[in-house]
């Protein structure tokens, strides 16, 4: 997907406010999806292949975050071809990319 991990997490967080999530154990909440992409890098279809807890809303949030995504297509003999991309997210470790815990060792001006 042509964007950063932080942008993808922002999309998931923004779209998840409209989803009624099933309460989950703090130890497990995840989803896996597959996106089909054409040779021009456009999203053709997407589907959830695994979600825990089942029908918990996490797969739906992931699919909504993929909407409008643009991809770098797969290559075969130097030519772009259609392909599949897999995504997996552990929602227990999903953090706000604009807040604390971004994984940087650089201190912000607020500290």
N, C-alpha and C. Protein backbone atom coordinates (compact mmCIF):
# COMPACT_ATOMS: atom_id res chain seq x y z
N UNK A 1 0.85 -1.16 0.00
CA UNK A 1 0.00 0.00 0.00
C UNK A 1 0.90 1.23 0.00
N UNK A 2 0.57 2.18 -0.83
CA UNK A 2 1.39 3.38 -0.92
C UNK A 2 0.93 4.35 0.17
N UNK A 3 1.50 4.22 1.31
CA UNK A 3 1.32 5.13 2.45
C UNK A 3 2.17 4.57 3.58
N UNK A 4 2.26 5.31 4.64
CA UNK A 4 3.06 4.84 5.76
C UNK A 4 2.21 4.01 6.72
N UNK A 5 2.89 3.29 7.57
CA UNK A 5 2.22 2.52 8.61
C UNK A 5 1.40 3.45 9.51
N UNK A 6 1.93 4.63 9.79
CA UNK A 6 1.22 5.59 10.63
C UNK A 6 -0.08 6.05 9.96
N UNK A 7 -0.05 6.28 8.65
CA UNK A 7 -1.27 6.68 7.93
C UNK A 7 -2.32 5.57 7.99
N UNK A 8 -1.87 4.33 7.84
CA UNK A 8 -2.80 3.19 7.90
C UNK A 8 -3.43 3.10 9.28
N UNK A 9 -2.62 3.28 10.33
CA UNK A 9 -3.16 3.24 11.69
C UNK A 9 -4.13 4.40 11.93
N UNK A 10 -3.83 5.57 11.37
CA UNK A 10 -4.76 6.71 11.50
C UNK A 10 -6.10 6.37 10.85
N UNK A 11 -6.05 5.76 9.66
CA UNK A 11 -7.29 5.38 8.98
C UNK A 11 -8.10 4.40 9.81
N UNK A 12 -7.43 3.42 10.39
CA UNK A 12 -8.15 2.44 11.20
C UNK A 12 -8.78 3.12 12.41
N UNK A 13 -8.04 3.98 13.08
CA UNK A 13 -8.58 4.68 14.26
C UNK A 13 -9.74 5.59 13.87
N UNK A 14 -9.62 6.33 12.76
CA UNK A 14 -10.69 7.24 12.33
C UNK A 14 -11.95 6.49 11.96
N UNK A 15 -11.82 5.38 11.27
CA UNK A 15 -12.98 4.63 10.82
C UNK A 15 -13.57 3.74 11.90
N UNK A 16 -12.80 3.46 12.92
CA UNK A 16 -13.29 2.55 13.96
C UNK A 16 -14.30 3.21 14.90
N UNK A 17 -14.40 4.54 14.88
CA UNK A 17 -15.37 5.20 15.75
C UNK A 17 -16.81 4.89 15.34
N UNK A 18 -17.01 4.49 14.07
CA UNK A 18 -18.36 4.18 13.60
C UNK A 18 -18.70 2.70 13.71
N UNK A 19 -17.82 1.92 14.32
CA UNK A 19 -18.01 0.47 14.42
C UNK A 19 -18.26 0.09 15.87
N UNK A 20 -19.21 -0.79 16.09
CA UNK A 20 -19.47 -1.30 17.43
C UNK A 20 -18.62 -2.54 17.66
N UNK A 21 -17.50 -2.35 18.33
CA UNK A 21 -16.61 -3.47 18.59
C UNK A 21 -17.15 -4.34 19.71
N UNK A 22 -16.92 -5.64 19.58
CA UNK A 22 -17.21 -6.58 20.66
C UNK A 22 -16.12 -6.40 21.69
N UNK A 23 -16.48 -6.38 22.95
CA UNK A 23 -15.45 -6.27 23.99
C UNK A 23 -14.54 -7.48 23.88
N UNK A 24 -13.27 -7.25 24.04
CA UNK A 24 -12.29 -8.31 23.85
C UNK A 24 -11.41 -8.44 25.07
N UNK A 25 -10.78 -9.59 25.13
CA UNK A 25 -9.78 -9.82 26.15
C UNK A 25 -8.61 -8.90 25.84
N UNK A 26 -8.00 -8.28 26.85
CA UNK A 26 -6.86 -7.42 26.56
C UNK A 26 -5.68 -8.19 25.96
N UNK A 27 -5.77 -9.50 25.94
CA UNK A 27 -4.67 -10.31 25.41
C UNK A 27 -4.82 -10.62 23.93
N UNK A 28 -6.03 -10.48 23.36
CA UNK A 28 -6.19 -10.86 21.96
C UNK A 28 -7.33 -10.11 21.28
N UNK A 29 -7.03 -9.48 20.18
CA UNK A 29 -7.99 -8.87 19.26
C UNK A 29 -7.21 -8.61 17.98
N UNK A 30 -7.54 -9.37 16.93
CA UNK A 30 -6.77 -9.23 15.71
C UNK A 30 -7.61 -9.51 14.49
N UNK A 31 -7.07 -9.14 13.33
CA UNK A 31 -7.75 -9.38 12.06
C UNK A 31 -6.70 -9.56 10.97
N UNK A 32 -7.08 -10.38 9.98
CA UNK A 32 -6.23 -10.59 8.81
C UNK A 32 -7.11 -10.40 7.58
N UNK A 33 -6.58 -9.72 6.58
CA UNK A 33 -7.34 -9.46 5.36
C UNK A 33 -6.44 -9.66 4.14
N UNK A 34 -7.09 -9.89 3.00
CA UNK A 34 -6.40 -10.01 1.72
C UNK A 34 -7.02 -9.00 0.77
N UNK A 35 -6.17 -8.26 0.05
CA UNK A 35 -6.62 -7.29 -0.94
C UNK A 35 -6.15 -7.74 -2.32
N UNK A 36 -7.08 -7.77 -3.27
CA UNK A 36 -6.75 -8.06 -4.67
C UNK A 36 -6.51 -6.74 -5.38
N UNK A 37 -5.40 -6.65 -6.11
CA UNK A 37 -4.99 -5.42 -6.77
C UNK A 37 -4.76 -5.68 -8.25
N UNK A 38 -5.22 -4.75 -9.11
CA UNK A 38 -5.01 -4.93 -10.54
C UNK A 38 -3.61 -4.45 -10.94
N UNK A 39 -3.29 -4.57 -12.22
CA UNK A 39 -1.95 -4.24 -12.71
C UNK A 39 -1.64 -2.75 -12.62
N UNK A 40 -2.65 -1.90 -12.44
CA UNK A 40 -2.43 -0.47 -12.30
C UNK A 40 -2.29 -0.05 -10.83
N UNK A 41 -2.41 -1.00 -9.91
CA UNK A 41 -2.26 -0.70 -8.49
C UNK A 41 -3.55 -0.29 -7.81
N UNK A 42 -4.68 -0.48 -8.48
CA UNK A 42 -5.98 -0.14 -7.90
C UNK A 42 -6.55 -1.31 -7.12
N UNK A 43 -7.19 -1.03 -6.02
CA UNK A 43 -7.84 -2.05 -5.20
C UNK A 43 -9.06 -2.58 -5.95
N UNK A 44 -9.10 -3.90 -6.17
CA UNK A 44 -10.21 -4.52 -6.89
C UNK A 44 -11.20 -5.11 -5.90
N UNK A 45 -10.70 -5.83 -4.91
CA UNK A 45 -11.57 -6.42 -3.89
C UNK A 45 -10.76 -6.62 -2.62
N UNK A 46 -11.49 -6.84 -1.54
CA UNK A 46 -10.84 -7.08 -0.25
C UNK A 46 -11.76 -7.97 0.58
N UNK A 47 -11.15 -8.75 1.46
CA UNK A 47 -11.96 -9.63 2.31
C UNK A 47 -11.19 -9.97 3.58
N UNK A 48 -11.95 -10.21 4.62
CA UNK A 48 -11.38 -10.65 5.89
C UNK A 48 -11.18 -12.15 5.81
N UNK A 49 -10.00 -12.63 6.16
CA UNK A 49 -9.74 -14.06 6.14
C UNK A 49 -9.71 -14.65 7.55
N UNK A 50 -9.50 -13.79 8.55
CA UNK A 50 -9.49 -14.26 9.93
C UNK A 50 -9.73 -13.06 10.85
N UNK A 51 -10.48 -13.30 11.92
CA UNK A 51 -10.75 -12.24 12.88
C UNK A 51 -11.00 -12.86 14.25
N UNK A 52 -10.41 -12.25 15.26
CA UNK A 52 -10.66 -12.71 16.63
C UNK A 52 -10.88 -11.48 17.51
N UNK A 53 -11.95 -11.46 18.27
CA UNK A 53 -13.04 -12.42 18.31
C UNK A 53 -13.86 -12.37 17.01
N UNK A 54 -14.44 -13.52 16.67
CA UNK A 54 -15.21 -13.62 15.44
C UNK A 54 -16.33 -12.58 15.43
N UNK A 55 -16.49 -11.91 14.31
CA UNK A 55 -17.50 -10.86 14.13
C UNK A 55 -17.41 -9.78 15.19
N UNK A 56 -16.17 -9.48 15.58
CA UNK A 56 -15.95 -8.47 16.61
C UNK A 56 -15.83 -7.05 16.09
N UNK A 57 -15.86 -6.87 14.76
CA UNK A 57 -15.76 -5.55 14.17
C UNK A 57 -14.36 -5.17 13.75
N UNK A 58 -13.37 -5.94 14.13
CA UNK A 58 -11.99 -5.60 13.82
C UNK A 58 -11.68 -5.78 12.34
N UNK A 59 -12.22 -6.81 11.73
CA UNK A 59 -12.05 -7.01 10.29
C UNK A 59 -12.71 -5.89 9.50
N UNK A 60 -13.88 -5.47 9.95
CA UNK A 60 -14.60 -4.38 9.29
C UNK A 60 -13.79 -3.09 9.34
N UNK A 61 -13.17 -2.80 10.48
CA UNK A 61 -12.33 -1.60 10.61
C UNK A 61 -11.14 -1.68 9.66
N UNK A 62 -10.57 -2.85 9.54
CA UNK A 62 -9.43 -3.04 8.65
C UNK A 62 -9.83 -2.83 7.19
N UNK A 63 -10.98 -3.39 6.79
CA UNK A 63 -11.44 -3.23 5.42
C UNK A 63 -11.75 -1.77 5.10
N UNK A 64 -12.34 -1.05 6.05
CA UNK A 64 -12.63 0.37 5.83
C UNK A 64 -11.35 1.16 5.66
N UNK A 65 -10.31 0.79 6.36
CA UNK A 65 -9.02 1.49 6.25
C UNK A 65 -8.37 1.24 4.89
N UNK A 66 -8.68 0.13 4.25
CA UNK A 66 -8.13 -0.18 2.93
C UNK A 66 -8.85 0.56 1.81
N UNK A 67 -10.06 1.07 2.06
CA UNK A 67 -10.82 1.78 1.03
C UNK A 67 -10.00 2.91 0.44
N UNK A 68 -9.99 3.00 -0.88
CA UNK A 68 -9.29 4.07 -1.56
C UNK A 68 -7.78 3.91 -1.59
N UNK A 69 -7.29 2.77 -1.11
CA UNK A 69 -5.85 2.55 -1.09
C UNK A 69 -5.26 2.38 -2.48
N UNK A 70 -4.06 2.84 -2.66
CA UNK A 70 -3.33 2.69 -3.91
C UNK A 70 -2.12 1.82 -3.62
N UNK A 71 -1.81 0.90 -4.53
CA UNK A 71 -0.75 -0.07 -4.31
C UNK A 71 0.28 -0.03 -5.42
N UNK A 72 1.47 -0.51 -5.12
CA UNK A 72 2.48 -0.74 -6.14
C UNK A 72 2.24 -2.17 -6.62
N UNK A 73 1.88 -2.36 -7.89
CA UNK A 73 1.53 -3.69 -8.36
C UNK A 73 2.72 -4.64 -8.38
N UNK A 74 2.42 -5.92 -8.39
CA UNK A 74 3.45 -6.94 -8.51
C UNK A 74 4.06 -6.85 -9.91
N UNK A 75 5.27 -7.37 -10.06
CA UNK A 75 5.94 -7.33 -11.36
C UNK A 75 6.25 -8.75 -11.83
N UNK A 76 6.12 -8.95 -13.13
CA UNK A 76 6.47 -10.22 -13.76
C UNK A 76 7.16 -9.90 -15.08
N UNK A 77 8.42 -10.30 -15.19
CA UNK A 77 9.23 -10.01 -16.38
C UNK A 77 9.24 -8.52 -16.71
N UNK A 78 9.33 -7.70 -15.67
CA UNK A 78 9.42 -6.26 -15.85
C UNK A 78 8.12 -5.55 -16.14
N UNK A 79 7.00 -6.28 -16.10
CA UNK A 79 5.70 -5.68 -16.39
C UNK A 79 4.80 -5.82 -15.16
N UNK A 80 3.99 -4.77 -14.88
CA UNK A 80 3.08 -4.87 -13.74
C UNK A 80 1.98 -5.89 -14.00
N UNK A 81 1.65 -6.65 -12.97
CA UNK A 81 0.60 -7.66 -13.05
C UNK A 81 -0.29 -7.56 -11.81
N UNK A 82 -1.47 -8.13 -11.91
CA UNK A 82 -2.39 -8.17 -10.76
C UNK A 82 -1.79 -9.05 -9.68
N UNK A 83 -2.15 -8.78 -8.44
CA UNK A 83 -1.62 -9.57 -7.34
C UNK A 83 -2.48 -9.45 -6.09
N UNK A 84 -2.04 -10.11 -5.04
CA UNK A 84 -2.74 -10.10 -3.75
C UNK A 84 -1.79 -9.56 -2.68
N UNK A 85 -2.35 -8.81 -1.75
CA UNK A 85 -1.59 -8.28 -0.63
C UNK A 85 -2.27 -8.74 0.65
N UNK A 86 -1.49 -9.21 1.60
CA UNK A 86 -2.03 -9.64 2.88
C UNK A 86 -1.74 -8.61 3.97
N UNK A 87 -2.68 -8.44 4.87
CA UNK A 87 -2.55 -7.52 5.99
C UNK A 87 -2.94 -8.23 7.27
N UNK A 88 -2.21 -7.98 8.32
CA UNK A 88 -2.54 -8.54 9.64
C UNK A 88 -2.31 -7.45 10.68
N UNK A 89 -3.27 -7.29 11.58
CA UNK A 89 -3.16 -6.28 12.63
C UNK A 89 -3.53 -6.88 13.96
N UNK A 90 -2.69 -6.62 14.95
CA UNK A 90 -2.97 -6.98 16.34
C UNK A 90 -3.50 -5.71 17.00
N UNK A 91 -4.81 -5.65 17.23
CA UNK A 91 -5.43 -4.44 17.76
C UNK A 91 -5.04 -4.14 19.20
N UNK A 92 -4.50 -5.13 19.91
CA UNK A 92 -4.06 -4.86 21.27
C UNK A 92 -2.78 -4.04 21.28
N UNK A 93 -2.08 -4.00 20.14
CA UNK A 93 -0.83 -3.24 20.04
C UNK A 93 -0.96 -2.02 19.13
N UNK A 94 -2.16 -1.75 18.67
CA UNK A 94 -2.39 -0.61 17.79
C UNK A 94 -2.42 0.65 18.62
N UNK A 95 -1.52 1.56 18.35
CA UNK A 95 -1.45 2.79 19.14
C UNK A 95 -1.62 4.00 18.24
N UNK A 96 -1.92 5.10 18.84
CA UNK A 96 -2.11 6.35 18.14
C UNK A 96 -0.76 6.84 17.60
N UNK A 97 -0.62 6.97 16.28
CA UNK A 97 0.67 7.40 15.74
C UNK A 97 1.00 8.86 16.06
N UNK A 98 0.02 9.60 16.50
CA UNK A 98 0.24 11.02 16.79
C UNK A 98 0.39 11.30 18.28
N UNK A 99 0.30 10.24 19.08
CA UNK A 99 0.40 10.43 20.52
C UNK A 99 1.64 9.78 21.09
N UNK A 100 1.59 9.47 22.36
CA UNK A 100 2.71 8.81 23.03
C UNK A 100 2.90 7.41 22.46
N UNK A 101 4.10 6.91 22.60
CA UNK A 101 4.38 5.53 22.21
C UNK A 101 4.55 5.33 20.73
N UNK A 102 5.11 6.30 20.02
CA UNK A 102 5.28 6.15 18.58
C UNK A 102 6.53 5.35 18.23
N UNK A 103 7.27 4.93 19.23
CA UNK A 103 8.44 4.12 18.96
C UNK A 103 9.69 4.95 18.69
N UNK A 104 9.64 6.23 18.89
CA UNK A 104 10.80 7.07 18.64
C UNK A 104 11.55 7.34 19.94
N UNK A 105 12.84 7.51 19.82
CA UNK A 105 13.65 7.84 20.99
C UNK A 105 13.89 9.34 21.08
N UNK A 106 13.35 10.08 20.14
CA UNK A 106 13.49 11.54 20.15
C UNK A 106 12.41 12.11 21.05
N UNK A 107 12.79 12.93 21.99
CA UNK A 107 11.82 13.53 22.89
C UNK A 107 11.10 14.67 22.20
N UNK A 108 9.81 14.78 22.51
CA UNK A 108 9.04 15.88 21.94
C UNK A 108 9.31 17.16 22.72
N UNK A 109 8.87 18.27 22.19
CA UNK A 109 9.06 19.56 22.84
C UNK A 109 8.28 19.67 24.16
N UNK A 110 7.27 18.81 24.31
CA UNK A 110 6.42 18.86 25.50
C UNK A 110 7.06 18.22 26.71
N UNK A 111 8.11 17.47 26.52
CA UNK A 111 8.71 16.72 27.64
C UNK A 111 9.78 17.52 28.33
